[in-house]
N, C-alpha and C. Protein backbone atom coordinates (compact mmCIF):
# COMPACT_ATOMS: atom_id res chain seq x y z
N MET A 1 -26.76 7.62 176.96
CA MET A 1 -27.34 6.50 177.63
C MET A 1 -28.31 5.77 176.71
N GLU A 2 -28.39 4.72 176.74
CA GLU A 2 -29.38 4.09 175.72
C GLU A 2 -30.50 3.59 176.49
N LYS A 3 -31.83 3.17 175.52
CA LYS A 3 -33.13 3.04 176.20
C LYS A 3 -33.61 1.65 175.30
N VAL A 4 -34.04 0.87 176.14
CA VAL A 4 -34.69 -0.42 175.58
C VAL A 4 -36.33 -0.55 176.06
N LYS A 5 -37.07 -0.73 175.23
CA LYS A 5 -38.50 -1.24 175.62
C LYS A 5 -38.39 -2.59 175.79
N ILE A 6 -39.12 -3.10 177.12
CA ILE A 6 -39.18 -4.42 177.20
C ILE A 6 -40.63 -4.92 177.79
N LEU A 7 -41.03 -5.74 176.96
CA LEU A 7 -42.25 -6.68 177.46
C LEU A 7 -42.02 -8.06 177.90
N TRP A 8 -42.26 -8.19 179.24
CA TRP A 8 -42.33 -9.45 179.65
C TRP A 8 -43.70 -10.33 179.73
N PHE A 9 -43.98 -11.08 178.86
CA PHE A 9 -45.42 -11.24 178.74
C PHE A 9 -45.87 -12.68 179.15
N ASN A 10 -45.25 -13.31 179.74
CA ASN A 10 -45.79 -14.68 180.64
C ASN A 10 -44.87 -15.00 182.05
N GLU A 11 -45.04 -15.96 182.38
CA GLU A 11 -44.38 -15.99 183.76
C GLU A 11 -43.43 -17.13 183.63
N TYR A 12 -42.90 -16.91 182.46
CA TYR A 12 -41.45 -17.88 182.15
C TYR A 12 -40.53 -16.88 181.83
N SER A 13 -39.95 -17.22 180.67
CA SER A 13 -38.84 -16.38 180.22
C SER A 13 -39.48 -15.51 178.87
N GLY A 14 -40.75 -15.31 178.53
CA GLY A 14 -41.07 -14.70 177.37
C GLY A 14 -40.86 -13.25 177.19
N LEU A 15 -40.07 -12.80 176.26
CA LEU A 15 -39.77 -11.41 176.31
C LEU A 15 -39.80 -10.84 174.82
N ARG A 16 -40.19 -9.42 174.58
CA ARG A 16 -40.08 -8.77 173.48
C ARG A 16 -39.25 -7.73 174.32
N ILE A 17 -38.03 -7.56 173.29
CA ILE A 17 -37.13 -6.10 173.39
C ILE A 17 -37.11 -5.45 172.32
N VAL A 18 -37.09 -4.10 172.30
CA VAL A 18 -36.94 -3.26 171.20
C VAL A 18 -36.04 -2.19 171.55
N HIS A 19 -35.24 -1.99 170.67
CA HIS A 19 -34.40 -0.99 170.47
C HIS A 19 -34.28 -0.12 169.11
N LYS A 20 -34.67 1.11 169.12
CA LYS A 20 -34.68 1.51 167.95
C LYS A 20 -35.56 1.15 166.88
N SER A 21 -36.57 0.68 167.31
CA SER A 21 -37.40 0.16 166.20
C SER A 21 -37.29 -1.36 165.84
N VAL A 22 -36.14 -1.95 166.36
CA VAL A 22 -35.74 -3.48 165.97
C VAL A 22 -36.37 -4.15 166.89
N ALA A 23 -37.32 -5.08 167.02
CA ALA A 23 -37.71 -5.90 168.06
C ALA A 23 -37.40 -7.39 167.89
N ILE A 24 -36.92 -7.89 168.91
CA ILE A 24 -36.43 -9.37 169.39
C ILE A 24 -37.40 -10.09 170.27
N VAL A 25 -37.97 -11.16 169.86
CA VAL A 25 -38.80 -11.86 170.73
C VAL A 25 -38.19 -13.01 171.07
N PHE A 26 -38.12 -13.18 172.36
CA PHE A 26 -37.36 -14.49 172.98
C PHE A 26 -38.47 -15.42 173.34
N ASP A 27 -38.46 -16.68 173.24
CA ASP A 27 -39.21 -17.83 173.53
C ASP A 27 -40.90 -17.77 173.67
N PRO A 28 -41.35 -17.18 172.49
CA PRO A 28 -42.96 -16.73 172.72
C PRO A 28 -43.66 -17.90 173.10
N TYR A 29 -44.55 -17.89 173.91
CA TYR A 29 -45.20 -18.87 174.58
C TYR A 29 -46.17 -18.10 175.64
N GLN A 30 -47.71 -18.63 175.52
CA GLN A 30 -48.62 -18.10 176.43
C GLN A 30 -49.03 -16.72 176.13
N VAL A 31 -48.78 -16.30 174.79
CA VAL A 31 -49.21 -15.17 174.59
C VAL A 31 -49.91 -14.83 173.26
N LEU A 32 -50.87 -13.71 172.79
CA LEU A 32 -51.44 -13.73 171.74
C LEU A 32 -50.40 -12.92 170.74
N SER A 33 -50.46 -13.60 169.37
CA SER A 33 -49.37 -13.16 168.65
C SER A 33 -49.41 -11.58 168.26
N ALA A 34 -50.52 -11.18 168.13
CA ALA A 34 -50.93 -9.56 168.22
C ALA A 34 -50.14 -8.59 168.91
N LYS A 35 -49.91 -9.14 170.17
CA LYS A 35 -49.12 -8.24 171.28
C LYS A 35 -47.71 -8.18 170.84
N LEU A 36 -47.26 -9.38 169.86
CA LEU A 36 -45.83 -9.30 169.62
C LEU A 36 -45.29 -8.57 168.40
N ILE A 37 -46.19 -8.20 167.76
CA ILE A 37 -46.10 -7.56 166.30
C ILE A 37 -46.15 -6.20 166.49
N PRO A 38 -45.35 -5.31 165.80
CA PRO A 38 -44.15 -5.80 164.96
C PRO A 38 -43.27 -6.51 165.35
N LEU A 39 -42.21 -7.31 164.81
CA LEU A 39 -40.88 -7.87 165.50
C LEU A 39 -40.30 -8.20 164.23
N ASN A 40 -39.04 -8.35 164.46
CA ASN A 40 -37.82 -8.56 163.38
C ASN A 40 -37.39 -9.96 163.66
N TYR A 41 -36.90 -10.32 164.89
CA TYR A 41 -36.24 -11.53 165.04
C TYR A 41 -37.15 -12.69 166.21
N ILE A 42 -37.01 -13.91 165.94
CA ILE A 42 -37.67 -14.91 167.06
C ILE A 42 -36.29 -15.81 167.53
N LEU A 43 -36.05 -15.49 168.59
CA LEU A 43 -34.87 -16.36 169.22
C LEU A 43 -35.66 -17.48 170.24
N ILE A 44 -35.29 -18.72 169.70
CA ILE A 44 -35.79 -19.66 170.49
C ILE A 44 -34.59 -20.88 171.31
N SER A 45 -34.84 -20.85 172.63
CA SER A 45 -33.57 -21.64 173.42
C SER A 45 -33.41 -22.82 173.63
N HIS A 46 -34.84 -23.47 173.41
CA HIS A 46 -35.00 -24.89 173.74
C HIS A 46 -36.51 -25.51 173.55
N GLU A 47 -36.56 -26.86 173.48
CA GLU A 47 -37.88 -27.42 173.14
C GLU A 47 -38.94 -27.37 174.04
N HIS A 48 -38.59 -27.33 175.22
CA HIS A 48 -39.81 -27.29 176.31
C HIS A 48 -41.00 -26.42 176.16
N PHE A 49 -42.28 -27.09 176.62
CA PHE A 49 -43.49 -26.28 176.25
C PHE A 49 -43.58 -24.85 176.76
N ASP A 50 -42.80 -24.39 177.51
CA ASP A 50 -42.84 -23.00 178.26
C ASP A 50 -41.97 -22.11 177.25
N HIS A 51 -41.39 -22.63 176.33
CA HIS A 51 -40.45 -21.66 175.88
C HIS A 51 -40.40 -22.11 174.33
N PHE A 52 -41.12 -23.20 173.74
CA PHE A 52 -41.32 -23.42 172.20
C PHE A 52 -42.84 -23.87 172.06
N ASP A 53 -43.48 -22.96 171.32
CA ASP A 53 -45.03 -23.25 170.85
C ASP A 53 -44.89 -23.11 169.31
N LEU A 54 -44.95 -24.23 168.66
CA LEU A 54 -44.77 -24.68 167.30
C LEU A 54 -45.92 -23.63 166.67
N THR A 55 -46.95 -23.74 167.06
CA THR A 55 -48.12 -23.15 166.09
C THR A 55 -48.12 -21.83 166.43
N LEU A 56 -47.50 -21.12 167.58
CA LEU A 56 -47.60 -19.42 167.73
C LEU A 56 -46.13 -19.23 166.84
N ASP A 57 -45.22 -20.09 166.98
CA ASP A 57 -43.96 -19.65 166.36
C ASP A 57 -44.12 -19.64 164.77
N VAL A 58 -44.94 -20.39 164.00
CA VAL A 58 -45.23 -20.71 162.69
C VAL A 58 -45.95 -19.32 162.43
N GLU A 59 -47.18 -18.93 163.11
CA GLU A 59 -47.73 -17.85 162.97
C GLU A 59 -46.81 -16.50 162.90
N LEU A 60 -46.08 -16.47 163.93
CA LEU A 60 -45.15 -15.28 164.21
C LEU A 60 -43.99 -15.17 163.11
N SER A 61 -43.51 -16.46 162.52
CA SER A 61 -42.60 -16.48 161.59
C SER A 61 -43.07 -15.50 160.26
N LYS A 62 -44.56 -15.27 160.06
CA LYS A 62 -44.83 -14.61 158.83
C LYS A 62 -44.43 -13.32 158.88
N TYR A 63 -44.09 -12.76 159.96
CA TYR A 63 -43.66 -11.40 160.28
C TYR A 63 -42.17 -10.97 160.81
N ALA A 64 -41.56 -12.10 160.98
CA ALA A 64 -40.29 -11.99 161.26
C ALA A 64 -39.17 -12.41 160.26
N GLN A 65 -38.17 -11.58 160.08
CA GLN A 65 -37.28 -11.60 158.99
C GLN A 65 -36.18 -12.81 159.26
N MET A 66 -36.11 -13.31 160.36
CA MET A 66 -35.14 -14.27 160.78
C MET A 66 -35.48 -14.83 162.10
N ILE A 67 -35.52 -16.16 162.04
CA ILE A 67 -35.69 -17.16 163.45
C ILE A 67 -34.47 -18.01 163.62
N LEU A 68 -34.04 -17.78 164.87
CA LEU A 68 -32.95 -18.18 165.37
C LEU A 68 -33.27 -19.41 166.55
N ALA A 69 -32.87 -20.52 166.42
CA ALA A 69 -33.46 -21.66 167.39
C ALA A 69 -32.32 -22.58 167.37
N ASP A 70 -32.44 -23.41 168.52
CA ASP A 70 -31.61 -24.53 169.10
C ASP A 70 -32.11 -25.78 167.92
N PHE A 71 -31.27 -26.60 167.96
CA PHE A 71 -31.56 -27.45 166.74
C PHE A 71 -32.89 -28.44 167.01
N GLU A 72 -33.07 -28.58 168.12
CA GLU A 72 -34.45 -29.75 168.44
C GLU A 72 -35.48 -28.65 168.06
N SER A 73 -35.74 -27.54 168.47
CA SER A 73 -36.82 -26.57 168.05
C SER A 73 -36.60 -26.48 166.53
N GLY A 74 -35.78 -26.00 165.98
CA GLY A 74 -35.61 -25.75 164.66
C GLY A 74 -35.87 -26.96 163.67
N SER A 75 -35.47 -28.18 164.08
CA SER A 75 -36.00 -29.28 163.58
C SER A 75 -37.36 -29.48 163.15
N ARG A 76 -38.23 -28.87 164.36
CA ARG A 76 -39.68 -29.09 164.26
C ARG A 76 -40.20 -27.97 163.56
N LEU A 77 -39.62 -26.91 163.32
CA LEU A 77 -39.98 -25.65 162.62
C LEU A 77 -39.82 -25.70 161.06
N LYS A 78 -38.59 -26.26 160.58
CA LYS A 78 -38.25 -26.17 159.27
C LYS A 78 -38.99 -26.69 158.03
N LYS A 79 -40.16 -27.43 158.62
CA LYS A 79 -40.93 -27.43 157.14
C LYS A 79 -42.24 -26.42 157.26
N TYR A 80 -41.97 -25.70 158.26
CA TYR A 80 -43.13 -24.57 158.14
C TYR A 80 -42.49 -23.18 157.68
N VAL A 81 -41.38 -23.01 157.71
CA VAL A 81 -40.53 -21.81 157.77
C VAL A 81 -39.52 -21.82 156.65
N GLN A 82 -39.48 -20.69 155.85
CA GLN A 82 -38.68 -20.65 154.45
C GLN A 82 -37.06 -21.10 155.17
N LYS A 83 -36.32 -21.76 154.28
CA LYS A 83 -35.16 -22.01 154.56
C LYS A 83 -34.23 -20.83 154.98
N ASP A 84 -34.45 -19.70 154.05
CA ASP A 84 -33.53 -18.60 154.48
C ASP A 84 -33.80 -17.77 155.49
N ARG A 85 -35.06 -18.00 156.14
CA ARG A 85 -35.39 -17.24 157.40
C ARG A 85 -35.27 -18.06 158.58
N LEU A 86 -34.54 -19.32 158.45
CA LEU A 86 -34.30 -20.06 159.91
C LEU A 86 -33.13 -20.45 160.18
N LYS A 87 -32.27 -20.11 161.08
CA LYS A 87 -30.96 -20.58 161.24
C LYS A 87 -30.94 -21.28 162.51
N MET A 88 -30.53 -22.51 162.52
CA MET A 88 -30.42 -23.54 163.53
C MET A 88 -29.00 -23.26 164.22
N MET A 89 -28.94 -23.01 165.75
CA MET A 89 -27.90 -22.56 166.20
C MET A 89 -27.16 -23.74 167.17
N LYS A 90 -26.08 -23.70 167.45
CA LYS A 90 -25.32 -24.41 168.34
C LYS A 90 -24.36 -23.54 169.15
N PRO A 91 -23.97 -23.91 170.39
CA PRO A 91 -22.86 -22.86 171.01
C PRO A 91 -21.68 -22.54 170.34
N GLY A 92 -21.46 -21.42 170.17
CA GLY A 92 -20.33 -20.89 169.22
C GLY A 92 -20.92 -20.31 168.21
N ASP A 93 -22.06 -20.66 167.71
CA ASP A 93 -22.78 -20.05 166.14
C ASP A 93 -22.85 -18.74 166.36
N VAL A 94 -22.52 -17.68 165.53
CA VAL A 94 -22.96 -16.33 165.46
C VAL A 94 -23.84 -16.11 164.42
N TYR A 95 -25.00 -15.46 164.50
CA TYR A 95 -25.65 -14.77 163.38
C TYR A 95 -25.35 -13.40 163.25
N LYS A 96 -25.19 -12.73 162.09
CA LYS A 96 -25.13 -11.12 162.22
C LYS A 96 -25.45 -10.69 161.04
N ASP A 97 -26.21 -9.41 161.17
CA ASP A 97 -26.70 -8.88 159.69
C ASP A 97 -26.43 -7.04 160.30
N LYS A 98 -27.28 -6.44 159.68
CA LYS A 98 -26.93 -5.03 159.75
C LYS A 98 -27.69 -4.37 161.00
N ASN A 99 -28.52 -5.31 161.91
CA ASN A 99 -29.17 -4.85 162.93
C ASN A 99 -28.70 -5.39 164.26
N VAL A 100 -28.26 -6.71 164.17
CA VAL A 100 -28.01 -7.52 165.49
C VAL A 100 -26.78 -8.44 165.30
N SER A 101 -26.21 -8.82 166.26
CA SER A 101 -25.16 -9.82 166.36
C SER A 101 -25.59 -10.47 167.41
N VAL A 102 -26.00 -11.88 166.96
CA VAL A 102 -26.22 -12.90 167.94
C VAL A 102 -25.25 -14.13 168.31
N THR A 103 -25.01 -14.22 169.34
CA THR A 103 -24.24 -15.64 169.73
C THR A 103 -24.75 -16.54 170.50
N ALA A 104 -24.62 -17.84 170.18
CA ALA A 104 -25.50 -18.75 170.95
C ALA A 104 -24.43 -19.39 171.95
N LEU A 105 -24.70 -19.77 173.03
CA LEU A 105 -23.89 -20.16 174.27
C LEU A 105 -24.76 -21.19 174.78
N ARG A 106 -23.76 -22.27 175.46
CA ARG A 106 -24.18 -23.40 176.03
C ARG A 106 -25.46 -22.86 177.20
N SER A 107 -26.25 -23.58 177.23
CA SER A 107 -27.27 -23.82 178.46
C SER A 107 -26.91 -24.87 179.66
N ASN A 108 -27.15 -24.81 180.77
CA ASN A 108 -26.85 -25.57 181.63
C ASN A 108 -28.44 -26.00 182.20
N HIS A 109 -29.29 -26.93 181.32
CA HIS A 109 -30.41 -27.18 181.51
C HIS A 109 -30.70 -28.52 181.05
N PRO A 110 -31.66 -29.34 181.58
CA PRO A 110 -31.87 -30.39 180.99
C PRO A 110 -32.92 -30.62 179.74
N ALA A 111 -32.49 -29.92 178.84
CA ALA A 111 -33.12 -30.28 177.52
C ALA A 111 -32.36 -31.00 176.43
N VAL A 112 -32.62 -31.17 175.34
CA VAL A 112 -31.89 -31.85 173.96
C VAL A 112 -30.62 -31.07 173.64
N ASN A 113 -30.80 -29.88 173.41
CA ASN A 113 -29.38 -29.02 173.07
C ASN A 113 -29.91 -27.40 173.37
N PRO A 114 -30.18 -27.12 174.61
CA PRO A 114 -30.54 -26.03 174.94
C PRO A 114 -29.50 -24.86 174.70
N LEU A 115 -29.98 -23.57 174.63
CA LEU A 115 -28.99 -22.32 174.37
C LEU A 115 -29.40 -21.37 175.36
N THR A 116 -28.37 -20.62 175.35
CA THR A 116 -28.40 -19.07 175.91
C THR A 116 -28.09 -18.40 174.82
N TYR A 117 -28.21 -16.88 175.09
CA TYR A 117 -27.91 -15.99 173.80
C TYR A 117 -27.44 -14.77 174.28
N PHE A 118 -26.26 -14.29 173.69
CA PHE A 118 -25.38 -13.09 173.66
C PHE A 118 -26.03 -12.01 172.49
N VAL A 119 -26.73 -11.07 172.67
CA VAL A 119 -27.30 -10.42 171.59
C VAL A 119 -26.94 -9.05 171.85
N GLU A 120 -26.13 -8.33 170.66
CA GLU A 120 -25.65 -7.05 170.40
C GLU A 120 -26.38 -6.49 169.50
N TYR A 121 -27.24 -5.27 169.73
CA TYR A 121 -27.76 -4.52 168.79
C TYR A 121 -26.60 -3.55 168.18
N LEU A 122 -26.29 -3.67 166.98
CA LEU A 122 -25.11 -3.20 166.47
C LEU A 122 -24.98 -1.57 166.64
N GLY A 123 -24.08 -1.04 167.50
CA GLY A 123 -24.10 0.07 167.96
C GLY A 123 -25.00 0.53 168.97
N GLY A 124 -25.49 -0.38 169.65
CA GLY A 124 -26.46 -0.22 170.70
C GLY A 124 -26.06 -1.33 171.99
N PRO A 125 -27.18 -1.45 172.67
CA PRO A 125 -27.00 -2.37 174.06
C PRO A 125 -26.72 -3.80 173.63
N LYS A 126 -26.06 -4.47 174.58
CA LYS A 126 -25.74 -5.91 174.50
C LYS A 126 -26.37 -6.38 175.79
N ILE A 127 -27.14 -7.53 175.35
CA ILE A 127 -28.12 -8.42 176.23
C ILE A 127 -27.90 -9.94 176.20
N PHE A 128 -28.03 -10.28 177.56
CA PHE A 128 -27.82 -11.68 177.80
C PHE A 128 -28.94 -12.33 178.14
N TYR A 129 -29.63 -13.19 177.67
CA TYR A 129 -30.68 -14.06 177.85
C TYR A 129 -30.17 -15.48 178.23
N ALA A 130 -30.29 -15.62 179.65
CA ALA A 130 -30.06 -17.02 180.13
C ALA A 130 -31.16 -18.09 179.99
N SER A 131 -32.30 -17.87 179.49
CA SER A 131 -33.33 -18.63 179.27
C SER A 131 -33.62 -19.43 180.86
N ASP A 132 -33.56 -20.81 180.90
CA ASP A 132 -33.68 -21.27 182.13
C ASP A 132 -32.37 -22.06 182.60
N SER A 133 -31.08 -21.40 182.05
CA SER A 133 -29.96 -22.04 182.58
C SER A 133 -29.55 -21.81 183.89
N LEU A 134 -28.81 -22.72 184.69
CA LEU A 134 -28.13 -22.38 185.95
C LEU A 134 -26.59 -21.87 185.58
N PRO A 135 -26.16 -21.21 186.61
CA PRO A 135 -24.69 -21.00 186.14
C PRO A 135 -23.68 -21.72 185.57
N LEU A 136 -23.10 -21.01 184.77
CA LEU A 136 -22.09 -21.73 183.93
C LEU A 136 -20.95 -20.73 183.89
N LEU A 137 -19.30 -21.23 184.54
CA LEU A 137 -18.38 -20.27 184.36
C LEU A 137 -17.93 -19.80 183.05
N GLU A 138 -18.47 -20.60 182.03
CA GLU A 138 -18.27 -19.90 180.39
C GLU A 138 -18.86 -18.89 180.24
N PHE A 139 -20.21 -18.45 180.82
CA PHE A 139 -20.59 -17.10 180.70
C PHE A 139 -19.70 -15.98 180.91
N SER A 140 -18.67 -16.15 181.55
CA SER A 140 -17.59 -15.02 182.10
C SER A 140 -16.85 -14.65 180.47
N SER A 141 -17.17 -15.40 179.51
CA SER A 141 -16.55 -15.10 178.29
C SER A 141 -17.16 -13.96 177.85
N ILE A 142 -18.57 -13.45 178.09
CA ILE A 142 -19.49 -12.25 177.38
C ILE A 142 -19.04 -11.06 178.23
N ALA A 143 -18.50 -11.55 179.62
CA ALA A 143 -18.56 -10.26 180.52
C ALA A 143 -17.45 -9.23 180.03
N GLU A 144 -16.20 -9.73 179.46
CA GLU A 144 -15.31 -8.84 178.67
C GLU A 144 -16.13 -7.65 177.83
N TYR A 145 -17.34 -8.12 177.26
CA TYR A 145 -17.71 -7.41 176.38
C TYR A 145 -18.63 -6.05 176.76
N GLY A 146 -18.98 -6.23 177.97
CA GLY A 146 -19.92 -5.37 178.61
C GLY A 146 -21.23 -5.47 178.50
N VAL A 147 -21.85 -6.28 179.28
CA VAL A 147 -23.14 -6.84 179.04
C VAL A 147 -24.01 -5.51 179.55
N ASP A 148 -24.98 -5.14 178.95
CA ASP A 148 -25.86 -4.04 179.68
C ASP A 148 -27.01 -4.59 180.59
N VAL A 149 -27.58 -5.53 179.87
CA VAL A 149 -28.70 -6.18 180.55
C VAL A 149 -28.78 -7.41 180.44
N ALA A 150 -28.91 -8.35 181.62
CA ALA A 150 -28.89 -9.83 181.71
C ALA A 150 -30.45 -10.26 182.34
N PHE A 151 -30.95 -11.16 181.33
CA PHE A 151 -32.24 -11.69 182.23
C PHE A 151 -31.91 -13.18 182.57
N VAL A 152 -32.30 -13.20 183.82
CA VAL A 152 -31.70 -14.46 184.27
C VAL A 152 -32.83 -15.32 185.28
N PRO A 153 -33.11 -16.46 185.14
CA PRO A 153 -34.24 -17.17 185.59
C PRO A 153 -34.01 -17.02 187.22
N ILE A 154 -35.11 -17.11 188.08
CA ILE A 154 -34.98 -17.32 189.32
C ILE A 154 -35.80 -18.45 189.93
N GLY A 155 -36.34 -19.30 189.06
CA GLY A 155 -37.19 -20.55 189.61
C GLY A 155 -37.99 -21.03 188.65
N ILE A 156 -38.65 -22.03 189.14
CA ILE A 156 -39.80 -22.97 188.26
C ILE A 156 -38.78 -23.92 187.39
N ALA A 157 -37.81 -23.51 186.58
CA ALA A 157 -36.67 -24.33 186.07
C ALA A 157 -35.95 -25.16 186.98
N PRO A 158 -35.82 -26.79 186.70
CA PRO A 158 -34.83 -27.62 187.74
C PRO A 158 -33.58 -26.84 188.20
N GLY A 159 -33.64 -26.64 189.40
CA GLY A 159 -32.53 -26.15 190.42
C GLY A 159 -32.51 -24.76 190.24
N SER A 160 -33.24 -24.09 189.63
CA SER A 160 -33.14 -22.36 189.51
C SER A 160 -33.66 -21.68 190.87
N SER A 161 -32.95 -20.70 191.09
CA SER A 161 -33.62 -20.18 192.31
C SER A 161 -32.98 -18.46 192.25
N PRO A 162 -33.39 -17.95 193.20
CA PRO A 162 -32.80 -16.52 193.30
C PRO A 162 -31.32 -16.50 193.55
N ARG A 163 -30.66 -17.65 194.17
CA ARG A 163 -29.39 -17.90 194.63
C ARG A 163 -28.60 -18.31 193.06
N THR A 164 -29.17 -19.16 192.58
CA THR A 164 -28.57 -19.30 191.07
C THR A 164 -28.48 -18.23 189.99
N GLY A 165 -29.91 -17.32 190.05
CA GLY A 165 -29.79 -16.43 189.31
C GLY A 165 -28.67 -15.25 189.77
N SER A 166 -28.58 -14.96 190.89
CA SER A 166 -27.31 -13.93 191.53
C SER A 166 -26.14 -14.54 191.06
N GLU A 167 -25.85 -15.80 190.90
CA GLU A 167 -24.55 -16.37 190.65
C GLU A 167 -24.40 -15.90 189.13
N ILE A 168 -25.26 -16.28 188.23
CA ILE A 168 -25.20 -15.98 186.87
C ILE A 168 -24.79 -14.20 186.76
N VAL A 169 -25.47 -13.71 187.70
CA VAL A 169 -25.20 -12.06 187.44
C VAL A 169 -23.99 -11.99 188.01
N GLN A 170 -23.31 -12.49 188.92
CA GLN A 170 -22.00 -12.47 189.39
C GLN A 170 -21.11 -12.83 188.24
N ILE A 171 -21.25 -13.69 187.44
CA ILE A 171 -20.39 -14.30 186.36
C ILE A 171 -20.52 -13.14 184.98
N VAL A 172 -21.63 -12.77 184.67
CA VAL A 172 -22.00 -11.89 183.63
C VAL A 172 -21.28 -10.43 183.82
N LYS A 173 -21.61 -9.97 184.86
CA LYS A 173 -21.41 -8.69 185.62
C LYS A 173 -21.93 -7.58 184.52
N PRO A 174 -23.23 -7.52 184.50
CA PRO A 174 -24.25 -6.88 183.76
C PRO A 174 -24.34 -5.44 184.49
N LYS A 175 -24.61 -4.51 183.53
CA LYS A 175 -25.04 -3.16 184.24
C LYS A 175 -26.39 -3.40 185.07
N VAL A 176 -27.50 -3.81 183.99
CA VAL A 176 -28.82 -4.27 184.76
C VAL A 176 -29.27 -5.90 184.76
N ALA A 177 -29.76 -6.07 186.19
CA ALA A 177 -30.30 -7.68 185.98
C ALA A 177 -31.62 -7.55 186.09
N ILE A 178 -32.36 -8.30 185.06
CA ILE A 178 -33.75 -8.24 185.20
C ILE A 178 -33.95 -9.90 185.61
N PRO A 179 -34.85 -10.13 186.69
CA PRO A 179 -35.15 -11.58 186.90
C PRO A 179 -36.26 -12.05 186.11
N VAL A 180 -36.31 -13.20 185.83
CA VAL A 180 -37.62 -13.80 185.15
C VAL A 180 -37.92 -15.08 185.73
N HIS A 181 -39.02 -15.89 184.89
CA HIS A 181 -38.86 -17.24 185.29
C HIS A 181 -38.97 -17.56 186.66
N GLY A 182 -39.85 -16.85 187.40
CA GLY A 182 -39.91 -17.02 188.84
C GLY A 182 -40.73 -15.91 189.33
N THR A 183 -40.80 -15.67 190.83
CA THR A 183 -41.64 -14.81 191.54
C THR A 183 -40.93 -14.12 192.86
N ARG A 184 -39.76 -14.83 192.92
CA ARG A 184 -39.02 -14.33 194.37
C ARG A 184 -38.05 -13.18 194.12
N PHE A 185 -38.46 -12.02 193.83
CA PHE A 185 -37.72 -11.07 193.18
C PHE A 185 -37.05 -10.33 194.34
N GLU A 186 -37.56 -10.08 195.42
CA GLU A 186 -36.92 -9.33 196.47
C GLU A 186 -35.70 -10.29 197.01
N GLU A 187 -35.68 -11.57 197.03
CA GLU A 187 -34.97 -12.45 197.53
C GLU A 187 -33.67 -12.42 196.45
N PHE A 188 -33.82 -12.16 195.46
CA PHE A 188 -32.97 -12.08 194.09
C PHE A 188 -32.33 -10.89 194.46
N ASN A 189 -33.12 -9.63 194.52
CA ASN A 189 -32.45 -8.34 194.71
C ASN A 189 -31.51 -8.17 195.66
N SER A 190 -31.78 -8.77 197.03
CA SER A 190 -31.20 -8.73 198.12
C SER A 190 -29.82 -9.52 197.82
N LEU A 191 -29.87 -10.65 197.36
CA LEU A 191 -28.70 -11.38 196.93
C LEU A 191 -27.78 -10.84 196.08
N VAL A 192 -28.33 -10.12 195.22
CA VAL A 192 -27.40 -9.20 194.02
C VAL A 192 -26.55 -8.04 194.60
N LYS A 193 -27.56 -7.44 195.83
CA LYS A 193 -27.15 -6.32 196.22
C LYS A 193 -25.57 -6.98 197.16
N VAL A 194 -25.88 -8.10 197.54
CA VAL A 194 -24.33 -8.60 198.50
C VAL A 194 -23.54 -9.27 197.28
N ARG A 195 -23.74 -9.92 196.46
CA ARG A 195 -22.91 -10.40 195.52
C ARG A 195 -22.16 -9.55 194.46
N SER A 196 -23.13 -8.36 194.26
CA SER A 196 -22.76 -7.46 192.97
C SER A 196 -23.17 -6.33 192.94
N PRO A 197 -22.56 -5.69 193.92
CA PRO A 197 -23.49 -4.35 194.28
C PRO A 197 -23.32 -3.37 193.45
N ASN A 198 -22.62 -3.33 192.39
CA ASN A 198 -22.54 -2.34 191.19
C ASN A 198 -23.68 -2.62 190.15
N VAL A 199 -24.19 -3.68 190.37
CA VAL A 199 -25.25 -4.01 189.62
C VAL A 199 -26.65 -3.68 189.54
N SER A 200 -27.65 -2.92 188.81
CA SER A 200 -28.72 -2.53 189.33
C SER A 200 -29.76 -3.48 188.91
N VAL A 201 -30.84 -3.88 189.83
CA VAL A 201 -31.66 -4.95 189.45
C VAL A 201 -32.95 -4.11 189.18
N LYS A 202 -33.53 -4.47 188.02
CA LYS A 202 -34.87 -3.89 187.75
C LYS A 202 -35.87 -5.04 187.47
N ILE A 203 -36.99 -4.82 188.22
CA ILE A 203 -37.89 -5.77 188.61
C ILE A 203 -39.07 -5.66 187.58
N LEU A 204 -39.48 -6.35 186.63
CA LEU A 204 -40.60 -5.88 185.54
C LEU A 204 -41.80 -6.18 186.13
N PRO A 205 -43.02 -5.31 185.61
CA PRO A 205 -44.30 -5.87 185.78
C PRO A 205 -44.57 -6.89 184.66
N ARG A 206 -45.56 -7.65 184.87
CA ARG A 206 -45.94 -8.69 183.68
C ARG A 206 -46.99 -7.98 182.69
N ASP A 207 -46.74 -8.25 181.61
CA ASP A 207 -47.93 -8.03 180.48
C ASP A 207 -47.99 -6.27 180.36
N VAL A 208 -46.74 -5.62 180.49
CA VAL A 208 -46.64 -4.16 180.46
C VAL A 208 -45.35 -3.97 179.96
N GLU A 209 -45.31 -3.15 178.80
CA GLU A 209 -44.11 -2.75 178.18
C GLU A 209 -43.61 -1.59 179.03
N VAL A 210 -42.20 -1.70 179.18
CA VAL A 210 -41.73 -0.74 180.15
C VAL A 210 -40.35 -0.20 179.37
N GLU A 211 -39.98 1.00 179.61
CA GLU A 211 -38.69 1.35 178.94
C GLU A 211 -37.48 1.56 179.97
N VAL A 212 -36.44 0.72 179.80
CA VAL A 212 -35.40 0.91 180.77
C VAL A 212 -34.12 1.70 180.22
N GLU A 213 -33.43 2.34 180.96
CA GLU A 213 -32.31 3.05 180.62
C GLU A 213 -31.05 2.40 181.11
N ILE A 214 -30.06 2.26 180.30
CA ILE A 214 -29.06 1.50 180.67
C ILE A 214 -27.61 2.48 180.25
């Protein structure tokens, strides 16, 4: 059984995930940089203010070995970050090194070129980060790989709700579903129990790192 440490650090989709000392930070915003260090990777899904904070990303880039970003966010970052430590991603692109494999997928969200991410710790857990996306049937392409944890939005973003979050879970079929970007957790939990009874729902406390077994 694998274990991951997860910190949900804001009311949106800001996450720090650690497996065997390899730390990935998703969409840092509304958090002190010291809370996210040490880190290895920063993944940015799109340019909206609650997912992309240029000042914070530049500060965190001093500690990260690689930043992966959508093209709009990446274009704003590139004059501040060394070229070999920034990769701008589009749907279908893959980044891989000795620690992780990261595949960018499309996002159904009104931004310039938003992304979702499928992350595999090599030899470890597989994670789907849905950012602000509404359901897309093409997410089924990663279900066959065996998603361990899916982070799905359940509010705030346009059209997002516990229902749409539960629909993403139904498509992706993770072992564990974790709702973020919203507050209607119990409604989400109830819907997942009906739609995907084999999926375990984990509701995270905010600003507290927790260990999750998968």
